[in-house]
């Protein structure tokens, strides 16, 4: 297993991973409501690769998981009472966390979160924050299992529609992992 920055030449494989995840979850109650080509958008993925914020988890030279890690919250997170009071540069945000459906049930979600935690510690972060669509119970279970604490439930539907173009997505649960 290797956790590292995504490379431009891997763009097609990364897009396929997100497309496969979107397709596998389409119509399921716990789907994050991602739409291939809409979220995550190709332009966003390319930008994340160029900015070195898109990371991959590989197994046998195949990308099995992806995640974007940056200092950019999805919405007005500064209005939320988090577990840790921290500056923007002390917080790492998780976006687009995905494991290819062919690898579900193999503990790779936990492995990817473990790598994210190590990355955050190496970079002096105080906490890791994320939001998850409120019906995505499998994702919430994964975060709970890996030490993330529930913080709040918020309606960021307007933000999601405006920024990402996704519909039928409004209520999100916020989670935080406290480092140190």
N, C-alpha and C. Protein backbone atom coordinates (compact mmCIF):
# COMPACT_ATOMS: atom_id res chain seq x y z
N UNK A 1 0.85 -1.19 0.00
CA UNK A 1 0.00 0.00 0.00
C UNK A 1 0.88 1.24 0.00
N UNK A 2 0.41 2.21 -0.76
CA UNK A 2 1.12 3.48 -0.80
C UNK A 2 0.11 4.62 -0.76
N UNK A 3 0.38 5.61 0.07
CA UNK A 3 -0.42 6.82 0.17
C UNK A 3 0.47 7.95 -0.32
N UNK A 4 0.00 8.67 -1.34
CA UNK A 4 0.84 9.71 -1.93
C UNK A 4 -0.01 10.70 -2.71
N UNK A 5 0.65 11.79 -3.15
CA UNK A 5 -0.01 12.77 -4.00
C UNK A 5 -0.40 12.11 -5.32
N UNK A 6 -1.55 12.50 -5.84
CA UNK A 6 -1.98 12.03 -7.16
C UNK A 6 -1.13 12.70 -8.23
N UNK A 7 -0.98 12.01 -9.36
CA UNK A 7 -0.19 12.52 -10.48
C UNK A 7 -1.12 12.85 -11.65
N UNK A 8 -0.74 13.85 -12.44
CA UNK A 8 -1.55 14.24 -13.59
C UNK A 8 -1.83 13.07 -14.53
N UNK A 9 -0.83 12.23 -14.74
CA UNK A 9 -1.02 11.10 -15.65
C UNK A 9 -1.98 10.04 -15.12
N UNK A 10 -2.42 10.19 -13.87
CA UNK A 10 -3.40 9.26 -13.28
C UNK A 10 -4.82 9.79 -13.37
N UNK A 11 -5.01 10.93 -14.00
CA UNK A 11 -6.31 11.58 -14.04
C UNK A 11 -7.41 10.66 -14.54
N UNK A 12 -7.17 9.93 -15.61
CA UNK A 12 -8.20 9.05 -16.17
C UNK A 12 -8.61 7.97 -15.16
N UNK A 13 -7.64 7.38 -14.48
CA UNK A 13 -7.92 6.34 -13.49
C UNK A 13 -8.69 6.92 -12.29
N UNK A 14 -8.34 8.14 -11.90
CA UNK A 14 -9.02 8.80 -10.79
C UNK A 14 -10.46 9.12 -11.16
N UNK A 15 -10.66 9.67 -12.35
CA UNK A 15 -12.03 9.94 -12.81
C UNK A 15 -12.85 8.66 -12.86
N UNK A 16 -12.24 7.58 -13.30
CA UNK A 16 -12.95 6.30 -13.38
C UNK A 16 -13.32 5.80 -11.99
N UNK A 17 -12.43 5.99 -11.02
CA UNK A 17 -12.74 5.58 -9.65
C UNK A 17 -13.98 6.31 -9.15
N UNK A 18 -14.00 7.63 -9.30
CA UNK A 18 -15.16 8.40 -8.83
C UNK A 18 -16.42 8.05 -9.61
N UNK A 19 -16.29 7.81 -10.88
CA UNK A 19 -17.44 7.39 -11.69
C UNK A 19 -17.97 6.03 -11.22
N UNK A 20 -17.06 5.10 -10.95
CA UNK A 20 -17.47 3.77 -10.47
C UNK A 20 -18.15 3.85 -9.10
N UNK A 21 -17.64 4.72 -8.24
CA UNK A 21 -18.27 4.90 -6.92
C UNK A 21 -19.67 5.48 -7.11
N UNK A 22 -19.80 6.51 -7.92
CA UNK A 22 -21.10 7.14 -8.18
C UNK A 22 -22.10 6.15 -8.75
N UNK A 23 -21.65 5.35 -9.71
CA UNK A 23 -22.51 4.36 -10.35
C UNK A 23 -22.93 3.27 -9.36
N UNK A 24 -21.99 2.79 -8.58
CA UNK A 24 -22.28 1.71 -7.62
C UNK A 24 -23.28 2.14 -6.56
N UNK A 25 -23.27 3.42 -6.20
CA UNK A 25 -24.15 3.91 -5.13
C UNK A 25 -25.44 4.55 -5.65
N UNK A 26 -25.54 4.72 -6.96
CA UNK A 26 -26.71 5.38 -7.54
C UNK A 26 -28.00 4.69 -7.11
N UNK A 27 -28.94 5.48 -6.61
CA UNK A 27 -30.23 4.95 -6.22
C UNK A 27 -30.28 4.35 -4.83
N UNK A 28 -29.14 4.19 -4.18
CA UNK A 28 -29.12 3.63 -2.83
C UNK A 28 -29.38 4.73 -1.82
N UNK A 29 -30.10 4.41 -0.78
CA UNK A 29 -30.45 5.39 0.25
C UNK A 29 -29.22 6.05 0.85
N UNK A 30 -28.13 5.29 1.04
CA UNK A 30 -26.94 5.83 1.68
C UNK A 30 -25.96 6.48 0.71
N UNK A 31 -26.36 6.66 -0.52
CA UNK A 31 -25.50 7.30 -1.52
C UNK A 31 -25.17 8.73 -1.10
N UNK A 32 -23.92 9.17 -1.36
CA UNK A 32 -23.58 10.57 -1.09
C UNK A 32 -24.19 11.53 -2.12
N UNK A 33 -24.88 11.00 -3.10
CA UNK A 33 -25.54 11.76 -4.17
C UNK A 33 -24.54 12.38 -5.14
N UNK A 34 -23.35 11.77 -5.26
CA UNK A 34 -22.39 12.23 -6.23
C UNK A 34 -22.90 11.89 -7.63
N UNK A 35 -22.53 12.72 -8.58
CA UNK A 35 -22.90 12.50 -9.97
C UNK A 35 -21.60 12.54 -10.79
N UNK A 36 -21.33 11.45 -11.50
CA UNK A 36 -20.10 11.38 -12.30
C UNK A 36 -20.02 12.60 -13.22
N UNK A 37 -18.87 13.25 -13.21
CA UNK A 37 -18.66 14.42 -14.05
C UNK A 37 -19.14 15.72 -13.44
N UNK A 38 -20.03 15.64 -12.43
CA UNK A 38 -20.52 16.84 -11.76
C UNK A 38 -19.78 17.02 -10.44
N UNK A 39 -19.79 16.00 -9.62
CA UNK A 39 -19.00 16.00 -8.39
C UNK A 39 -18.42 14.62 -8.18
N UNK A 40 -17.12 14.55 -8.02
CA UNK A 40 -16.20 15.67 -8.19
C UNK A 40 -15.96 15.97 -9.67
N UNK A 41 -15.93 17.23 -10.00
CA UNK A 41 -15.75 17.67 -11.39
C UNK A 41 -14.29 17.50 -11.82
N UNK A 42 -14.12 17.25 -13.10
CA UNK A 42 -12.78 17.06 -13.66
C UNK A 42 -11.88 18.27 -13.35
N UNK A 43 -12.42 19.47 -13.50
CA UNK A 43 -11.64 20.68 -13.26
C UNK A 43 -11.17 20.75 -11.80
N UNK A 44 -12.05 20.34 -10.89
CA UNK A 44 -11.70 20.34 -9.47
C UNK A 44 -10.60 19.32 -9.19
N UNK A 45 -10.73 18.14 -9.79
CA UNK A 45 -9.72 17.10 -9.60
C UNK A 45 -8.37 17.56 -10.16
N UNK A 46 -8.38 18.14 -11.37
CA UNK A 46 -7.14 18.64 -11.97
C UNK A 46 -6.50 19.71 -11.10
N UNK A 47 -7.30 20.62 -10.60
CA UNK A 47 -6.80 21.67 -9.73
C UNK A 47 -6.20 21.08 -8.46
N UNK A 48 -6.88 20.08 -7.91
CA UNK A 48 -6.39 19.44 -6.68
C UNK A 48 -5.08 18.70 -6.92
N UNK A 49 -4.93 18.09 -8.09
CA UNK A 49 -3.66 17.43 -8.42
C UNK A 49 -2.56 18.48 -8.53
N UNK A 50 -2.83 19.54 -9.25
CA UNK A 50 -1.82 20.59 -9.45
C UNK A 50 -1.44 21.26 -8.13
N UNK A 51 -2.40 21.41 -7.23
CA UNK A 51 -2.15 22.03 -5.92
C UNK A 51 -1.62 21.05 -4.89
N UNK A 52 -1.46 19.80 -5.31
CA UNK A 52 -0.96 18.73 -4.42
C UNK A 52 -1.84 18.52 -3.20
N UNK A 53 -3.17 18.60 -3.43
CA UNK A 53 -4.12 18.33 -2.35
C UNK A 53 -4.93 17.07 -2.59
N UNK A 54 -4.78 16.46 -3.76
CA UNK A 54 -5.46 15.19 -4.05
C UNK A 54 -4.47 14.06 -3.78
N UNK A 55 -4.91 13.14 -2.94
CA UNK A 55 -4.07 12.01 -2.56
C UNK A 55 -4.72 10.72 -3.01
N UNK A 56 -3.87 9.72 -3.27
CA UNK A 56 -4.37 8.40 -3.65
C UNK A 56 -3.80 7.36 -2.71
N UNK A 57 -4.57 6.29 -2.57
CA UNK A 57 -4.11 5.08 -1.90
C UNK A 57 -4.01 4.02 -2.97
N UNK A 58 -2.83 3.42 -3.12
CA UNK A 58 -2.66 2.41 -4.16
C UNK A 58 -2.41 1.04 -3.54
N UNK A 59 -2.82 0.04 -4.29
CA UNK A 59 -2.59 -1.36 -3.92
C UNK A 59 -2.22 -2.08 -5.20
N UNK A 60 -1.06 -2.72 -5.21
CA UNK A 60 -0.58 -3.42 -6.40
C UNK A 60 -0.58 -2.50 -7.62
N UNK A 61 -0.15 -1.27 -7.43
CA UNK A 61 -0.02 -0.25 -8.49
C UNK A 61 -1.36 0.19 -9.08
N UNK A 62 -2.47 -0.07 -8.38
CA UNK A 62 -3.79 0.40 -8.80
C UNK A 62 -4.31 1.39 -7.76
N UNK A 63 -4.95 2.43 -8.22
CA UNK A 63 -5.56 3.39 -7.29
C UNK A 63 -6.83 2.77 -6.73
N UNK A 64 -6.87 2.62 -5.42
CA UNK A 64 -8.04 2.01 -4.77
C UNK A 64 -8.82 3.02 -3.95
N UNK A 65 -8.21 4.19 -3.68
CA UNK A 65 -8.89 5.22 -2.92
C UNK A 65 -8.35 6.59 -3.24
N UNK A 66 -9.20 7.60 -3.03
CA UNK A 66 -8.82 9.00 -3.27
C UNK A 66 -9.40 9.87 -2.17
N UNK A 67 -8.73 10.97 -1.93
CA UNK A 67 -9.22 11.96 -0.98
C UNK A 67 -8.53 13.30 -1.25
N UNK A 68 -9.29 14.37 -1.13
CA UNK A 68 -8.70 15.71 -1.20
C UNK A 68 -8.56 16.22 0.23
N UNK A 69 -7.38 16.74 0.54
CA UNK A 69 -7.07 17.28 1.86
C UNK A 69 -6.61 18.71 1.69
N UNK A 70 -7.34 19.64 2.31
CA UNK A 70 -6.96 21.04 2.19
C UNK A 70 -7.46 21.84 3.39
N UNK A 71 -7.30 23.15 3.30
CA UNK A 71 -7.71 24.06 4.38
C UNK A 71 -9.02 24.76 4.04
N UNK A 72 -9.79 24.19 3.12
CA UNK A 72 -10.99 24.85 2.63
C UNK A 72 -12.25 24.14 3.13
N UNK A 73 -13.00 24.78 4.03
CA UNK A 73 -14.26 24.18 4.49
C UNK A 73 -15.33 24.30 3.41
N UNK A 74 -16.33 23.42 3.45
CA UNK A 74 -17.40 23.43 2.46
C UNK A 74 -18.32 24.62 2.63
N UNK A 75 -18.59 25.01 3.84
CA UNK A 75 -19.56 26.09 4.09
C UNK A 75 -19.03 26.99 5.20
N UNK A 76 -19.93 27.70 5.87
CA UNK A 76 -19.54 28.59 6.97
C UNK A 76 -19.25 27.80 8.24
N UNK A 77 -18.18 27.04 8.19
CA UNK A 77 -17.82 26.22 9.34
C UNK A 77 -17.36 27.06 10.52
N UNK A 78 -16.98 28.31 10.28
CA UNK A 78 -16.53 29.16 11.39
C UNK A 78 -17.66 29.48 12.36
N UNK A 79 -18.90 29.21 11.97
CA UNK A 79 -20.04 29.44 12.86
C UNK A 79 -20.34 28.22 13.73
N UNK A 80 -19.63 27.14 13.51
CA UNK A 80 -19.85 25.89 14.23
C UNK A 80 -18.94 25.85 15.46
N UNK A 81 -19.45 25.31 16.55
CA UNK A 81 -18.62 25.08 17.73
C UNK A 81 -17.99 23.70 17.58
N UNK A 82 -16.72 23.69 17.21
CA UNK A 82 -15.98 22.45 17.00
C UNK A 82 -15.39 21.96 18.32
N UNK A 83 -14.88 20.76 18.32
CA UNK A 83 -14.26 20.19 19.52
C UNK A 83 -12.97 20.93 19.86
N UNK A 84 -12.24 21.38 18.82
CA UNK A 84 -10.96 22.06 19.00
C UNK A 84 -11.06 23.46 18.43
N UNK A 85 -10.62 24.42 19.20
CA UNK A 85 -10.54 25.80 18.69
C UNK A 85 -9.19 25.87 17.98
N UNK A 86 -9.23 26.10 16.66
CA UNK A 86 -8.00 26.09 15.88
C UNK A 86 -8.07 27.11 14.75
N UNK A 87 -6.91 27.58 14.33
CA UNK A 87 -6.84 28.48 13.19
C UNK A 87 -7.01 27.67 11.90
N UNK A 88 -7.27 28.37 10.80
CA UNK A 88 -7.46 27.69 9.51
C UNK A 88 -6.27 26.81 9.16
N UNK A 89 -5.07 27.26 9.43
CA UNK A 89 -3.88 26.48 9.07
C UNK A 89 -3.65 25.28 10.00
N UNK A 90 -4.41 25.20 11.09
CA UNK A 90 -4.28 24.07 12.01
C UNK A 90 -5.32 22.99 11.74
N UNK A 91 -6.20 23.23 10.75
CA UNK A 91 -7.28 22.29 10.45
C UNK A 91 -7.08 21.73 9.05
N UNK A 92 -7.31 20.44 8.93
CA UNK A 92 -7.29 19.78 7.63
C UNK A 92 -8.70 19.31 7.33
N UNK A 93 -9.19 19.63 6.14
CA UNK A 93 -10.54 19.24 5.73
C UNK A 93 -10.47 18.09 4.73
N UNK A 94 -11.35 17.13 4.91
CA UNK A 94 -11.47 15.99 4.00
C UNK A 94 -12.61 16.27 3.04
N UNK A 95 -12.32 16.06 1.73
CA UNK A 95 -13.33 16.18 0.68
C UNK A 95 -13.19 14.99 -0.26
N UNK A 96 -14.30 14.54 -0.80
CA UNK A 96 -14.27 13.51 -1.84
C UNK A 96 -13.62 12.21 -1.43
N UNK A 97 -13.81 11.81 -0.19
CA UNK A 97 -13.24 10.55 0.32
C UNK A 97 -13.91 9.39 -0.39
N UNK A 98 -13.14 8.55 -1.05
CA UNK A 98 -13.73 7.43 -1.81
C UNK A 98 -12.80 6.23 -1.87
N UNK A 99 -13.41 5.07 -1.75
CA UNK A 99 -12.73 3.78 -1.98
C UNK A 99 -13.45 3.12 -3.14
N UNK A 100 -12.69 2.59 -4.08
CA UNK A 100 -13.30 1.93 -5.24
C UNK A 100 -14.19 0.78 -4.75
N UNK A 101 -15.40 0.67 -5.32
CA UNK A 101 -16.34 -0.36 -4.85
C UNK A 101 -15.82 -1.79 -4.94
N UNK A 102 -14.88 -2.06 -5.83
CA UNK A 102 -14.30 -3.41 -5.93
C UNK A 102 -13.50 -3.79 -4.68
N UNK A 103 -13.15 -2.79 -3.87
CA UNK A 103 -12.31 -3.03 -2.69
C UNK A 103 -13.07 -2.83 -1.39
N UNK A 104 -14.38 -2.66 -1.46
CA UNK A 104 -15.17 -2.50 -0.23
C UNK A 104 -15.04 -3.72 0.66
N UNK A 105 -15.08 -3.48 1.96
CA UNK A 105 -15.03 -4.57 2.92
C UNK A 105 -13.64 -5.10 3.20
N UNK A 106 -12.61 -4.44 2.69
CA UNK A 106 -11.23 -4.91 2.89
C UNK A 106 -10.45 -4.03 3.87
N UNK A 107 -11.15 -3.12 4.54
CA UNK A 107 -10.49 -2.25 5.51
C UNK A 107 -9.72 -1.09 4.91
N UNK A 108 -9.91 -0.84 3.61
CA UNK A 108 -9.14 0.21 2.96
C UNK A 108 -9.62 1.61 3.34
N UNK A 109 -10.89 1.75 3.70
CA UNK A 109 -11.38 3.04 4.18
C UNK A 109 -10.66 3.43 5.47
N UNK A 110 -10.53 2.47 6.37
CA UNK A 110 -9.80 2.72 7.62
C UNK A 110 -8.32 2.98 7.35
N UNK A 111 -7.76 2.25 6.40
CA UNK A 111 -6.36 2.46 6.04
C UNK A 111 -6.14 3.87 5.49
N UNK A 112 -7.04 4.31 4.62
CA UNK A 112 -6.93 5.65 4.06
C UNK A 112 -7.07 6.71 5.15
N UNK A 113 -7.99 6.52 6.08
CA UNK A 113 -8.14 7.48 7.19
C UNK A 113 -6.89 7.48 8.08
N UNK A 114 -6.29 6.32 8.28
CA UNK A 114 -5.06 6.23 9.06
C UNK A 114 -3.95 7.07 8.40
N UNK A 115 -3.85 6.96 7.09
CA UNK A 115 -2.85 7.74 6.35
C UNK A 115 -3.14 9.23 6.42
N UNK A 116 -4.42 9.60 6.36
CA UNK A 116 -4.80 11.01 6.48
C UNK A 116 -4.38 11.54 7.85
N UNK A 117 -4.61 10.76 8.90
CA UNK A 117 -4.23 11.18 10.24
C UNK A 117 -2.72 11.38 10.35
N UNK A 118 -1.94 10.46 9.79
CA UNK A 118 -0.48 10.60 9.82
C UNK A 118 -0.03 11.85 9.05
N UNK A 119 -0.66 12.08 7.91
CA UNK A 119 -0.35 13.28 7.11
C UNK A 119 -0.65 14.55 7.91
N UNK A 120 -1.79 14.57 8.58
CA UNK A 120 -2.18 15.74 9.37
C UNK A 120 -1.20 15.98 10.51
N UNK A 121 -0.80 14.93 11.19
CA UNK A 121 0.16 15.06 12.30
C UNK A 121 1.50 15.60 11.80
N UNK A 122 1.99 15.03 10.69
CA UNK A 122 3.27 15.48 10.12
C UNK A 122 3.24 16.95 9.74
N UNK A 123 2.06 17.46 9.44
CA UNK A 123 1.92 18.84 9.00
C UNK A 123 1.39 19.77 10.09
N UNK A 124 1.48 19.32 11.35
CA UNK A 124 1.18 20.18 12.48
C UNK A 124 -0.29 20.56 12.66
N UNK A 125 -1.19 19.75 12.18
CA UNK A 125 -2.62 20.05 12.31
C UNK A 125 -3.11 19.67 13.70
N UNK A 126 -4.15 20.39 14.14
CA UNK A 126 -4.78 20.11 15.43
C UNK A 126 -6.03 19.26 15.30
N UNK A 127 -6.66 19.35 14.10
CA UNK A 127 -7.87 18.56 13.89
C UNK A 127 -8.10 18.30 12.42
N UNK A 128 -8.92 17.29 12.17
CA UNK A 128 -9.36 16.94 10.82
C UNK A 128 -10.88 17.03 10.84
N UNK A 129 -11.44 17.75 9.87
CA UNK A 129 -12.89 17.96 9.84
C UNK A 129 -13.46 17.51 8.50
N UNK A 130 -14.74 17.13 8.54
CA UNK A 130 -15.42 16.71 7.33
C UNK A 130 -16.91 16.82 7.51
N UNK A 131 -17.61 16.78 6.38
CA UNK A 131 -19.06 16.68 6.43
C UNK A 131 -19.47 15.45 5.63
N UNK A 132 -20.58 14.85 6.03
CA UNK A 132 -21.08 13.66 5.35
C UNK A 132 -22.59 13.80 5.21
N UNK A 133 -23.09 13.45 4.03
CA UNK A 133 -24.53 13.49 3.78
C UNK A 133 -25.23 12.64 4.82
N UNK A 134 -26.29 13.18 5.42
CA UNK A 134 -26.91 12.57 6.60
C UNK A 134 -27.46 11.16 6.38
N UNK A 135 -27.69 10.75 5.16
CA UNK A 135 -28.19 9.40 4.92
C UNK A 135 -27.07 8.41 4.61
N UNK A 136 -25.84 8.89 4.60
CA UNK A 136 -24.71 8.03 4.26
C UNK A 136 -24.20 7.33 5.53
N UNK A 137 -25.02 6.42 6.04
CA UNK A 137 -24.73 5.72 7.29
C UNK A 137 -23.43 4.90 7.22
N UNK A 138 -23.13 4.19 6.11
CA UNK A 138 -21.86 3.46 6.07
C UNK A 138 -20.64 4.39 6.26
N UNK A 139 -20.69 5.58 5.67
CA UNK A 139 -19.58 6.52 5.85
C UNK A 139 -19.51 6.98 7.30
N UNK A 140 -20.67 7.29 7.88
CA UNK A 140 -20.67 7.72 9.28
C UNK A 140 -20.11 6.63 10.19
N UNK A 141 -20.47 5.38 9.92
CA UNK A 141 -19.95 4.27 10.71
C UNK A 141 -18.43 4.17 10.59
N UNK A 142 -17.91 4.38 9.38
CA UNK A 142 -16.47 4.34 9.17
C UNK A 142 -15.79 5.44 9.98
N UNK A 143 -16.34 6.64 9.95
CA UNK A 143 -15.72 7.74 10.68
C UNK A 143 -15.77 7.50 12.19
N UNK A 144 -16.91 7.02 12.70
CA UNK A 144 -17.03 6.69 14.13
C UNK A 144 -15.97 5.65 14.51
N UNK A 145 -15.89 4.61 13.73
CA UNK A 145 -14.96 3.50 14.00
C UNK A 145 -13.51 4.00 14.05
N UNK A 146 -13.23 5.07 13.34
CA UNK A 146 -11.87 5.58 13.26
C UNK A 146 -11.63 6.82 14.11
N UNK A 147 -12.49 7.01 15.12
CA UNK A 147 -12.24 8.04 16.12
C UNK A 147 -12.75 9.43 15.83
N UNK A 148 -13.50 9.60 14.75
CA UNK A 148 -14.09 10.90 14.46
C UNK A 148 -15.30 11.11 15.35
N UNK A 149 -15.45 12.32 15.86
CA UNK A 149 -16.54 12.64 16.77
C UNK A 149 -17.60 13.48 16.07
N UNK A 150 -18.85 13.13 16.31
CA UNK A 150 -19.96 13.90 15.76
C UNK A 150 -19.94 15.28 16.41
N UNK A 151 -20.14 16.33 15.59
CA UNK A 151 -20.12 17.71 16.09
C UNK A 151 -21.48 18.38 15.97
N UNK A 152 -22.11 18.27 14.80
CA UNK A 152 -23.35 19.01 14.58
C UNK A 152 -24.00 18.52 13.28
N UNK A 153 -25.26 18.86 13.10
CA UNK A 153 -25.97 18.62 11.85
C UNK A 153 -26.35 19.97 11.28
N UNK A 154 -26.03 20.18 9.99
CA UNK A 154 -26.28 21.48 9.38
C UNK A 154 -26.95 21.31 8.02
N UNK A 155 -27.63 22.36 7.62
CA UNK A 155 -28.22 22.40 6.29
C UNK A 155 -27.33 23.30 5.44
N UNK A 156 -26.61 22.68 4.51
CA UNK A 156 -25.75 23.45 3.61
C UNK A 156 -26.18 23.22 2.16
N UNK A 157 -27.45 22.92 1.99
CA UNK A 157 -27.98 22.64 0.66
C UNK A 157 -27.73 23.75 -0.34
N UNK A 158 -27.94 25.00 0.07
CA UNK A 158 -27.71 26.11 -0.85
C UNK A 158 -26.26 26.18 -1.31
N UNK A 159 -25.35 25.92 -0.38
CA UNK A 159 -23.93 25.94 -0.70
C UNK A 159 -23.59 24.81 -1.67
N UNK A 160 -24.11 23.62 -1.40
CA UNK A 160 -23.81 22.46 -2.24
C UNK A 160 -24.36 22.67 -3.65
N UNK A 161 -25.56 23.18 -3.74
CA UNK A 161 -26.15 23.43 -5.07
C UNK A 161 -25.35 24.52 -5.80
N UNK A 162 -25.01 25.58 -5.11
CA UNK A 162 -24.28 26.68 -5.73
C UNK A 162 -22.86 26.27 -6.13
N UNK A 163 -22.15 25.60 -5.23
CA UNK A 163 -20.75 25.27 -5.50
C UNK A 163 -20.59 24.03 -6.36
N UNK A 164 -21.44 23.04 -6.16
CA UNK A 164 -21.22 21.75 -6.81
C UNK A 164 -22.29 21.38 -7.83
N UNK A 165 -23.41 22.04 -7.80
CA UNK A 165 -24.46 21.71 -8.75
C UNK A 165 -25.24 20.45 -8.40
N UNK A 166 -25.08 19.96 -7.18
CA UNK A 166 -25.80 18.75 -6.75
C UNK A 166 -27.15 19.13 -6.16
N UNK A 167 -28.14 18.33 -6.43
CA UNK A 167 -29.48 18.56 -5.90
C UNK A 167 -29.85 17.40 -4.97
N UNK A 168 -30.90 17.57 -4.18
CA UNK A 168 -31.36 16.53 -3.25
C UNK A 168 -30.30 16.24 -2.18
N UNK A 169 -29.46 17.23 -1.92
CA UNK A 169 -28.43 17.08 -0.90
C UNK A 169 -28.48 18.34 -0.06
N UNK A 170 -28.88 18.21 1.19
CA UNK A 170 -28.99 19.40 2.00
C UNK A 170 -28.46 19.24 3.42
N UNK A 171 -28.86 18.19 4.08
CA UNK A 171 -28.51 18.00 5.49
C UNK A 171 -27.21 17.18 5.59
N UNK A 172 -26.26 17.75 6.32
CA UNK A 172 -24.98 17.08 6.49
C UNK A 172 -24.64 16.98 7.97
N UNK A 173 -23.95 15.93 8.32
CA UNK A 173 -23.44 15.76 9.67
C UNK A 173 -21.96 16.10 9.64
N UNK A 174 -21.53 16.86 10.63
CA UNK A 174 -20.15 17.29 10.71
C UNK A 174 -19.41 16.43 11.72
N UNK A 175 -18.18 16.06 11.35
CA UNK A 175 -17.34 15.22 12.20
C UNK A 175 -15.96 15.85 12.33
N UNK A 176 -15.32 15.55 13.45
CA UNK A 176 -13.98 16.05 13.69
C UNK A 176 -13.14 14.98 14.37
N UNK A 177 -11.89 14.90 13.94
CA UNK A 177 -10.91 14.04 14.59
C UNK A 177 -9.90 14.97 15.26
N UNK A 178 -9.73 14.80 16.56
CA UNK A 178 -8.82 15.66 17.33
C UNK A 178 -7.45 14.98 17.38
N UNK A 179 -6.43 15.70 16.93
CA UNK A 179 -5.07 15.17 16.95
C UNK A 179 -4.37 15.57 18.23
N UNK A 180 -3.45 14.73 18.64
CA UNK A 180 -2.63 15.05 19.82
C UNK A 180 -3.27 14.66 21.03
